Protein backbone atom coordinates (compact mmCIF):
# COMPACT_ATOMS: atom_id res chain seq x y z
CA MET A 1 15.09 -29.01 -2.24
CA LYS A 2 16.21 -27.36 0.99
CA SER A 3 13.65 -27.03 3.82
CA PHE A 4 13.28 -23.66 5.61
CA GLY A 5 10.49 -24.55 8.03
CA VAL A 6 7.61 -22.17 8.57
CA GLN A 7 8.49 -18.73 7.15
CA PRO A 8 6.47 -15.96 5.44
CA TYR A 9 8.46 -16.56 2.24
CA LEU A 10 6.12 -15.69 -0.57
CA PHE A 11 7.44 -13.68 -3.48
CA PRO A 12 6.67 -11.08 -4.56
CA MET A 13 5.38 -9.16 -1.56
CA PRO A 14 3.69 -5.84 -2.31
CA THR A 15 4.88 -2.53 -0.98
CA TYR A 16 1.82 -0.51 -0.07
CA MET A 17 1.77 2.76 1.80
CA ILE A 18 -1.00 3.40 4.33
CA ALA A 19 -1.62 7.08 5.10
CA THR A 20 -3.71 8.37 8.00
CA TYR A 21 -4.03 11.47 10.12
CA ASN A 22 -2.77 11.60 13.68
CA GLU A 23 -4.92 13.25 16.36
CA ASP A 24 -3.01 16.56 15.83
CA GLU A 25 -3.79 16.46 12.06
CA SER A 26 -0.20 15.57 11.16
CA VAL A 27 0.32 12.91 8.48
CA ASP A 28 1.31 9.36 9.32
CA VAL A 29 2.49 6.96 6.62
CA MET A 30 3.62 3.37 7.06
CA MET A 31 4.79 0.73 4.61
CA MET A 32 2.84 -2.52 4.56
CA ALA A 33 3.47 -5.77 2.72
CA TRP A 34 0.90 -8.14 4.23
CA GLY A 35 -2.38 -7.37 2.54
CA GLY A 36 -4.08 -6.40 -0.67
CA ILE A 37 -7.31 -6.64 -2.62
CA CYS A 38 -9.84 -9.03 -1.05
CA ALA A 39 -12.98 -8.18 -3.08
CA GLU A 40 -13.92 -5.98 -6.07
CA ASP A 41 -14.27 -2.94 -3.80
CA MET A 42 -12.34 -3.99 -0.69
CA VAL A 43 -8.82 -4.17 0.68
CA ALA A 44 -7.48 -6.17 3.62
CA LEU A 45 -4.60 -4.91 5.73
CA ASN A 46 -2.90 -7.39 8.05
CA LEU A 47 -1.24 -5.27 10.73
CA GLU A 48 0.06 -5.41 14.27
CA ALA A 49 -2.52 -3.87 16.62
CA SER A 50 0.22 -1.75 18.24
CA HIS A 51 0.81 0.40 15.13
CA LYS A 52 -0.11 4.07 15.40
CA THR A 53 -1.67 3.68 11.96
CA VAL A 54 -4.17 1.16 13.37
CA GLU A 55 -5.16 3.60 16.12
CA ASN A 56 -5.57 6.36 13.52
CA ILE A 57 -7.71 4.17 11.25
CA LYS A 58 -9.99 3.23 14.14
CA LYS A 59 -10.42 6.89 15.15
CA ARG A 60 -10.81 8.40 11.66
CA LYS A 61 -12.60 5.44 10.04
CA ALA A 62 -10.50 6.03 6.93
CA PHE A 63 -7.11 5.64 5.26
CA THR A 64 -5.47 5.81 1.86
CA LEU A 65 -3.52 2.93 0.39
CA SER A 66 -0.91 3.81 -2.23
CA VAL A 67 1.52 2.08 -4.52
CA PRO A 68 4.85 3.89 -4.19
CA GLY A 69 7.08 4.52 -7.18
CA SER A 70 10.81 3.80 -7.18
CA ASP A 71 11.47 7.57 -7.07
CA THR A 72 10.13 7.48 -3.48
CA LEU A 73 11.94 4.31 -2.39
CA ASP A 74 14.04 6.03 0.31
CA GLU A 75 11.09 7.84 1.88
CA SER A 76 8.87 4.76 1.65
CA ASP A 77 11.49 2.57 3.31
CA PHE A 78 11.92 5.21 6.02
CA PHE A 79 8.17 5.01 6.73
CA GLY A 80 8.62 1.27 7.27
CA ILE A 81 11.63 1.70 9.56
CA ILE A 82 10.37 4.42 11.92
CA SER A 83 7.22 3.92 13.98
CA ALA A 84 4.86 6.86 14.41
CA ASN A 85 4.57 5.70 18.02
CA LYS A 86 8.18 6.86 18.41
CA ASP A 87 8.24 9.75 15.94
CA GLY A 88 4.89 11.36 15.17
CA ASN A 89 6.55 13.87 12.82
CA LYS A 90 8.31 11.36 10.58
CA PHE A 91 6.40 12.50 7.49
CA SER A 92 7.73 16.06 7.84
CA LYS A 93 11.31 14.73 7.64
CA THR A 94 10.80 13.76 3.99
CA ARG A 95 10.31 15.80 0.83
CA LEU A 96 6.85 14.28 0.26
CA THR A 97 3.66 16.33 0.33
CA ALA A 98 0.08 15.50 1.24
CA LYS A 99 -3.36 16.91 0.68
CA LYS A 100 -6.64 15.90 2.26
CA SER A 101 -8.67 13.35 0.36
CA ASP A 102 -11.92 14.62 -1.13
CA ARG A 103 -13.60 11.30 -0.29
CA VAL A 104 -12.31 10.10 3.09
CA ASP A 105 -10.74 11.55 6.25
CA ALA A 106 -7.18 10.67 5.26
CA PRO A 107 -4.24 12.24 3.41
CA VAL A 108 -3.30 11.61 -0.21
CA ILE A 109 0.47 11.57 -0.69
CA GLN A 110 0.97 13.58 -3.87
CA GLU A 111 4.15 11.82 -5.03
CA TYR A 112 2.66 8.31 -5.02
CA PRO A 113 1.40 7.41 -8.51
CA LEU A 114 -1.63 5.32 -7.48
CA THR A 115 -3.83 5.79 -4.40
CA LEU A 116 -6.97 4.08 -3.16
CA GLU A 117 -9.16 6.21 -0.91
CA CYS A 118 -10.70 3.83 1.64
CA SER A 119 -13.26 3.93 4.43
CA LEU A 120 -13.05 1.51 7.34
CA LEU A 121 -15.49 -1.39 7.09
CA GLU A 122 -14.35 -3.68 9.87
CA VAL A 123 -11.53 -4.40 12.29
CA GLN A 124 -11.14 -8.13 12.82
CA ALA A 125 -9.15 -9.18 15.88
CA GLN A 126 -8.28 -12.78 15.11
CA PRO A 127 -6.17 -15.25 17.12
CA TYR A 128 -3.62 -15.06 14.30
CA GLY A 129 -3.51 -11.27 14.01
CA LEU A 130 -5.40 -8.09 13.25
CA ARG A 131 -7.09 -7.54 9.91
CA ILE A 132 -8.54 -4.23 8.77
CA LEU A 133 -11.08 -4.32 5.96
CA GLY A 134 -11.52 -1.16 3.94
CA LYS A 135 -14.01 -0.18 1.26
CA ILE A 136 -12.47 1.42 -1.81
CA GLU A 137 -14.31 4.71 -2.25
CA ASN A 138 -12.21 5.98 -5.16
CA VAL A 139 -8.96 5.39 -7.05
CA LEU A 140 -6.62 8.27 -7.89
CA ALA A 141 -3.81 8.05 -10.45
CA LYS A 142 -1.29 10.66 -11.51
CA GLU A 143 -1.64 11.73 -15.14
CA ASN A 144 1.87 10.51 -16.01
CA VAL A 145 0.90 6.87 -15.33
CA LEU A 146 -1.98 6.85 -17.80
CA ASP A 147 -1.79 5.42 -21.30
CA ASN A 148 -3.14 7.14 -24.43
CA SER A 149 -6.67 5.86 -23.75
CA GLY A 150 -6.67 7.18 -20.16
CA LYS A 151 -6.20 3.81 -18.44
CA ILE A 152 -3.59 3.16 -15.75
CA ASP A 153 -0.41 1.67 -17.24
CA ALA A 154 1.21 -0.53 -14.57
CA GLY A 155 4.61 -0.16 -16.24
CA LYS A 156 4.49 3.59 -15.72
CA LEU A 157 3.95 3.22 -11.95
CA HIS A 158 7.62 2.25 -11.52
CA ALA A 159 6.45 0.17 -8.56
CA PHE A 160 8.77 -1.95 -6.47
CA ILE A 161 8.20 -5.15 -4.56
CA PHE A 162 9.60 -6.58 -1.34
CA ASP A 163 11.71 -9.71 -0.91
CA GLN A 164 11.15 -11.09 2.61
CA MET A 165 13.88 -13.71 2.17
CA GLN A 166 16.78 -11.24 1.80
CA ASN A 167 15.11 -7.92 2.70
CA GLY A 168 15.43 -6.52 -0.80
CA TYR A 169 13.37 -4.29 -3.06
CA TYR A 170 12.98 -5.05 -6.77
CA ALA A 171 11.73 -2.84 -9.59
CA VAL A 172 8.60 -3.87 -11.48
CA GLY A 173 7.63 -2.69 -14.90
CA GLU A 174 8.20 -4.88 -17.92
CA LYS A 175 5.00 -6.38 -19.31
CA ILE A 176 5.70 -9.97 -20.35
CA GLY A 177 2.27 -11.31 -21.28
CA LYS A 178 -1.48 -10.86 -21.47
CA ALA A 179 -3.67 -12.04 -18.57
CA TRP A 180 -6.46 -14.34 -19.73
CA GLY A 181 -4.64 -14.55 -23.06
CA ASN A 182 -1.30 -16.35 -22.94
CA GLY A 183 -2.79 -19.53 -21.48
CA THR A 184 -5.64 -19.81 -23.98
CA LYS A 185 -3.43 -21.94 -26.25
CA PHE A 186 -4.07 -24.85 -23.86
CA ILE A 187 -7.86 -24.63 -24.27
CA LYS A 188 -9.15 -27.26 -26.64
C-alpha cells in the first residue's frame, strides 16, 4: 500500500447544500461536504467560521440543508466555488428558485429534491474547527422522488457525491442491497 500521510480522504463525501438568508433577504447557498446526520433529529455542519453562511445562520438561527440532484450539478458546484463574502448575489446568477420555509427562517431551493428545514441548536467553536448543530424541524421531498407508497426513493434523488482525492463528482442511484438484510446470512 502507498502512504499519503494525513489527508481528509474518505469516500464518499456528501454534497449538501446549505441555504440561508443574507441581511438584505437575498438567498445564500453554499455546498458543504464535511457534515451530516449526528442524531435522529440533528445535523452537524463542519464549516470555516469565515463563511457568510455561518454569519447568516448565527443571525437567523436557521438554515435548510438539501441534497442536490445531478440536474443542478453546475449550479451546486458554482455555490461551492464562489463565496457569498465576495458575491452576495450569486444565487441570482443561476436558474434556481427559492421560497421561504414554512418552518424556519431560511429559503427552500425548489429544484433540490430533498430538503431538511433546520433550526440552530448550538455553535461549537472547537480548537479543530467550527461545528454547527441544527435540529431537523421538517423534511421536504419533491413528489417525483417518492415511491408508490409515498416514501422517499433514494434512487430517484439522482444525488451525486464528492471525491476529495481527485476533485470529482459521481452519480449515485443504483440500489445494490438491503440494509440490515444482506448481512443476516452470517448470523447463526
